[in-house]
Amino acid sequence: MRRWLVGLAAFVVVTAVIVELAALPVATRVVGSALERCLPFDELEVETIDRPVLPRLLLGRARGVELQATGLQLDEIRVERARMELPEVGLPWAIRPPPVSEATLELELSASDLQAFLAEQAPFGLEPVVELTPGVARLGIESFPVQVRLAIEVRDRVLRVTPVEEAPGWFGRLGLDLSYELPDDLDLDQLEIGQDALMATLRVEVVAGIDGSPGCSGPLGGDRPDPEPTRG
């Protein structure tokens, strides 16, 4: 019996060591599966995570997580690249949710994804064309030579996109809502227009899917309770 117990203990120790050595791939799969319940993505990789990994994952917790995701779907808009710094992560089987800890998200939205988002809103089959160059955003219509230069600003927790100069008549007929009220639990720290991309830095207290709750409430996940996992 004693030899059996020693063998079992050795097996447990070796297994724990192997898992710790493979911490990043394990964390990528576990955290990715939890996050995707609420925020679908194309690919995800956990880059860093605080050790020990195995005991915390078994308890539904992770700390000091930094991850990269591509093709992240935030409500109706696709985000080409996202980087998240998560002080605390809560998995669906956690006994209690993790303490509130502010997460930082660095998002990069491509011009093509912004264009696809606006095309869904435009009436009469109109096809908006988005052009982004460093510090400058322009909006036009497919097969129409005139573009409108836009200013992007946040004031009183409302993100507004407005023409820099007097807009032509067709701009109003696009029927686009270019004013977005920020949720109370989301802070926009930085917004920058780059080459073919819009970069934003956000701070949130809840990242849907990895906040220890079964639902998807929060500034990023809408309000979709009890999602079904899509990854095995």
Protein backbone atom coordinates (compact mmCIF):
# COMPACT_ATOMS: atom_id res chain seq x y z
CA MET A 1 0.00 0.00 0.00
CA ARG A 2 2.79 2.40 0.92
CA ARG A 3 4.54 1.79 -2.40
CA TRP A 4 1.24 2.43 -4.20
CA LEU A 5 0.76 5.73 -2.38
CA VAL A 6 4.32 6.81 -3.18
CA GLY A 7 3.76 5.95 -6.82
CA LEU A 8 0.50 7.87 -6.88
CA ALA A 9 2.12 10.91 -5.27
CA ALA A 10 4.98 10.77 -7.77
CA PHE A 11 2.49 10.57 -10.62
CA VAL A 12 0.61 13.61 -9.32
CA VAL A 13 3.84 15.60 -8.95
CA VAL A 14 5.07 14.67 -12.43
CA THR A 15 1.69 15.52 -13.93
CA ALA A 16 1.68 18.89 -12.18
CA VAL A 17 5.20 19.65 -13.42
CA ILE A 18 4.26 18.72 -16.99
CA VAL A 19 1.19 20.92 -16.87
CA GLU A 20 3.20 23.83 -15.49
CA LEU A 21 5.72 23.39 -18.30
CA ALA A 22 2.83 23.44 -20.76
CA ALA A 23 1.10 26.30 -18.92
CA LEU A 24 0.64 28.65 -21.86
CA PRO A 25 -0.95 26.11 -24.25
CA VAL A 26 -3.21 24.83 -21.44
CA ALA A 27 -4.21 28.36 -20.44
CA THR A 28 -4.81 29.30 -24.07
CA ARG A 29 -7.28 26.46 -24.49
CA VAL A 30 -9.06 26.91 -21.16
CA VAL A 31 -9.28 30.71 -21.16
CA GLY A 32 -10.06 30.76 -24.88
CA SER A 33 -12.97 28.34 -24.48
CA ALA A 34 -14.41 30.43 -21.64
CA LEU A 35 -14.02 33.74 -23.48
CA GLU A 36 -15.52 32.44 -26.71
CA ARG A 37 -18.83 31.70 -24.99
CA CYS A 38 -19.48 35.45 -25.17
CA LEU A 39 -16.89 36.95 -27.51
CA PRO A 40 -16.22 34.84 -30.61
CA PHE A 41 -12.79 35.12 -32.21
CA ASP A 42 -10.68 33.57 -34.97
CA GLU A 43 -7.53 32.82 -32.97
CA LEU A 44 -6.33 33.40 -29.42
CA GLU A 45 -3.05 32.94 -27.57
CA VAL A 46 -2.23 33.45 -23.90
CA GLU A 47 1.22 35.04 -23.80
CA THR A 48 1.80 35.28 -20.05
CA ILE A 49 0.08 33.99 -16.92
CA ASP A 50 1.05 33.96 -13.24
CA ARG A 51 2.20 30.62 -11.78
CA PRO A 52 1.14 28.19 -10.46
CA VAL A 53 -1.32 27.60 -13.30
CA LEU A 54 -2.88 24.17 -12.61
CA PRO A 55 -4.25 24.73 -9.08
CA ARG A 56 -5.79 28.04 -10.05
CA LEU A 57 -7.36 26.71 -13.23
CA LEU A 58 -8.88 23.81 -11.29
CA LEU A 59 -10.46 26.39 -8.96
CA GLY A 60 -11.69 28.42 -11.92
CA ARG A 61 -9.18 31.23 -11.52
CA ALA A 62 -6.20 32.70 -13.35
CA ARG A 63 -4.09 35.76 -12.59
CA GLY A 64 -1.81 38.07 -14.51
CA VAL A 65 -3.12 36.95 -17.91
CA GLU A 66 -2.02 38.70 -21.07
CA LEU A 67 -3.47 37.44 -24.32
CA GLN A 68 -3.71 38.28 -28.00
CA ALA A 69 -6.79 37.59 -30.12
CA THR A 70 -7.53 38.07 -33.81
CA GLY A 71 -10.95 38.41 -35.38
CA LEU A 72 -12.62 39.26 -32.08
CA GLN A 73 -16.36 39.92 -32.49
CA LEU A 74 -17.64 42.76 -30.28
CA ASP A 75 -21.38 42.93 -30.79
CA GLU A 76 -21.80 43.86 -34.48
CA ILE A 77 -18.22 44.83 -35.26
CA ARG A 78 -15.16 42.69 -35.92
CA VAL A 79 -11.84 43.66 -34.33
CA GLU A 80 -8.80 42.65 -36.37
CA ARG A 81 -6.47 42.41 -33.37
CA ALA A 82 -6.99 42.70 -29.63
CA ARG A 83 -4.57 42.60 -26.74
CA MET A 84 -5.95 42.11 -23.24
CA GLU A 85 -4.23 42.55 -19.88
CA LEU A 86 -6.35 40.78 -17.26
CA PRO A 87 -5.30 40.97 -13.60
CA GLU A 88 -7.96 38.37 -12.66
CA VAL A 89 -9.82 35.81 -14.76
CA GLY A 90 -12.86 33.87 -13.55
CA LEU A 91 -13.84 30.64 -15.31
CA PRO A 92 -17.42 29.27 -15.41
CA TRP A 93 -16.78 26.65 -12.70
CA ALA A 94 -15.29 29.09 -10.17
CA ILE A 95 -16.93 28.78 -6.75
CA ARG A 96 -17.03 32.55 -6.44
CA PRO A 97 -16.33 35.31 -8.95
CA PRO A 98 -12.90 36.94 -8.86
CA PRO A 99 -12.51 40.32 -7.21
CA VAL A 100 -13.23 43.30 -9.42
CA SER A 101 -10.05 44.24 -11.26
CA GLU A 102 -9.75 46.60 -14.15
CA ALA A 103 -8.75 45.03 -17.46
CA THR A 104 -6.99 46.90 -20.25
CA LEU A 105 -7.82 46.21 -23.89
CA GLU A 106 -5.88 47.47 -26.87
CA LEU A 107 -8.00 47.10 -30.00
CA GLU A 108 -7.13 47.51 -33.67
CA LEU A 109 -10.05 47.84 -36.09
CA SER A 110 -9.19 47.58 -39.77
CA ALA A 111 -10.65 49.98 -42.32
CA SER A 112 -12.28 47.04 -44.14
CA ASP A 113 -14.05 45.86 -40.97
CA LEU A 114 -15.26 49.38 -40.21
CA GLN A 115 -16.50 49.61 -43.78
CA ALA A 116 -18.39 46.32 -43.45
CA PHE A 117 -19.97 47.54 -40.19
CA LEU A 118 -21.19 50.78 -41.80
CA ALA A 119 -22.46 48.93 -44.88
CA GLU A 120 -24.82 46.96 -42.61
CA GLN A 121 -26.36 50.26 -41.46
CA ALA A 122 -26.52 52.10 -44.78
CA PRO A 123 -29.91 52.11 -46.58
CA PHE A 124 -30.82 51.44 -50.24
CA GLY A 125 -27.85 49.16 -50.82
CA LEU A 126 -25.39 52.04 -50.61
CA GLU A 127 -21.79 50.96 -50.07
CA PRO A 128 -19.77 53.27 -47.81
CA VAL A 129 -16.03 53.45 -48.42
CA VAL A 130 -13.74 54.04 -45.43
CA GLU A 131 -10.22 55.38 -45.87
CA LEU A 132 -7.86 55.71 -42.90
CA THR A 133 -4.47 57.37 -43.00
CA PRO A 134 -2.45 58.53 -39.98
CA GLY A 135 -4.59 61.11 -38.17
CA VAL A 136 -7.21 61.28 -40.92
CA ALA A 137 -10.49 59.41 -41.53
CA ARG A 138 -12.51 59.77 -44.73
CA LEU A 139 -15.90 58.40 -45.73
CA GLY A 140 -17.29 58.14 -49.24
CA ILE A 141 -19.62 56.07 -51.39
CA GLU A 142 -18.57 53.36 -53.85
CA SER A 143 -18.18 54.70 -57.42
CA PHE A 144 -18.59 58.30 -56.22
CA PRO A 145 -15.48 60.54 -56.36
CA VAL A 146 -16.22 62.79 -53.34
CA GLN A 147 -15.15 61.86 -49.81
CA VAL A 148 -15.93 63.53 -46.49
CA ARG A 149 -13.15 64.11 -43.98
CA LEU A 150 -14.26 63.15 -40.48
CA ALA A 151 -13.32 64.18 -36.95
CA ILE A 152 -13.54 61.61 -34.15
CA GLU A 153 -13.87 62.79 -30.57
CA VAL A 154 -15.21 61.69 -27.19
CA ARG A 155 -17.11 64.23 -25.12
CA ASP A 156 -19.35 63.60 -22.10
CA ARG A 157 -18.93 59.83 -22.62
CA VAL A 158 -20.26 60.02 -26.18
CA LEU A 159 -18.08 59.08 -29.15
CA ARG A 160 -18.98 61.30 -32.09
CA VAL A 161 -17.90 61.10 -35.70
CA THR A 162 -18.64 64.36 -37.50
CA PRO A 163 -17.64 65.99 -40.82
CA VAL A 164 -14.75 68.41 -40.53
CA GLU A 165 -16.31 70.70 -43.14
CA GLU A 166 -19.84 71.12 -44.47
CA ALA A 167 -21.00 67.70 -45.64
CA PRO A 168 -22.49 67.14 -49.10
CA GLY A 169 -26.16 66.19 -49.40
CA TRP A 170 -25.51 62.49 -49.90
CA PHE A 171 -23.81 62.24 -46.52
CA GLY A 172 -27.09 62.80 -44.66
CA ARG A 173 -28.89 60.32 -46.92
CA LEU A 174 -26.54 57.56 -45.79
CA GLY A 175 -28.60 57.44 -42.61
CA LEU A 176 -25.63 56.37 -40.52
CA ASP A 177 -25.67 56.75 -36.76
CA LEU A 178 -22.20 58.11 -36.04
CA SER A 179 -22.76 58.85 -32.36
CA TYR A 180 -22.14 56.13 -29.77
CA GLU A 181 -22.72 56.47 -26.04
CA LEU A 182 -20.08 54.69 -23.97
CA PRO A 183 -21.32 52.28 -21.27
CA ASP A 184 -20.78 53.43 -17.68
CA ASP A 185 -18.41 50.52 -17.00
CA LEU A 186 -16.15 51.27 -19.98
CA ASP A 187 -13.51 54.00 -20.24
CA LEU A 188 -11.92 54.99 -23.53
CA ASP A 189 -8.38 56.12 -22.79
CA GLN A 190 -6.99 56.56 -26.28
CA LEU A 191 -8.26 56.67 -29.86
CA GLU A 192 -5.84 56.96 -32.74
CA ILE A 193 -6.22 56.80 -36.51
CA GLY A 194 -3.39 54.89 -38.16
CA GLN A 195 -2.67 53.52 -41.62
CA ASP A 196 -5.75 51.46 -42.60
CA ALA A 197 -6.65 50.95 -38.94
CA LEU A 198 -8.30 52.60 -35.96
CA MET A 199 -6.58 51.93 -32.61
CA ALA A 200 -8.32 52.24 -29.26
CA THR A 201 -7.33 51.58 -25.65
CA LEU A 202 -10.18 50.69 -23.29
CA ARG A 203 -10.50 49.96 -19.58
CA VAL A 204 -13.31 47.72 -18.31
CA GLU A 205 -14.12 45.98 -15.03
CA VAL A 206 -15.90 43.06 -16.70
CA VAL A 207 -14.79 41.04 -19.71
CA ALA A 208 -17.76 38.88 -20.68
CA GLY A 209 -17.09 35.14 -20.53
CA ILE A 210 -14.15 35.29 -18.13
CA ASP A 211 -15.65 37.19 -15.20
CA GLY A 212 -16.75 34.06 -13.31
CA SER A 213 -20.44 34.40 -14.21
CA PRO A 214 -22.49 32.05 -16.43
CA GLY A 215 -23.87 34.87 -18.59
CA CYS A 216 -22.47 37.49 -20.93
CA SER A 217 -23.46 40.76 -19.27
CA GLY A 218 -21.01 43.62 -19.48
CA PRO A 219 -19.89 46.46 -21.73
CA LEU A 220 -18.41 44.08 -24.31
CA GLY A 221 -20.72 41.07 -24.33
CA GLY A 222 -24.17 42.61 -24.34
CA ASP A 223 -26.69 40.66 -22.26
CA ARG A 224 -26.85 37.08 -23.50
CA PRO A 225 -27.33 34.69 -20.56
CA ASP A 226 -26.14 31.10 -20.44
CA PRO A 227 -24.27 30.85 -23.75
CA GLU A 228 -23.35 27.48 -25.15
CA PRO A 229 -19.62 26.77 -25.66
CA THR A 230 -18.53 26.35 -29.27
CA ARG A 231 -15.11 24.81 -28.81
CA GLY A 232 -14.45 21.30 -27.66
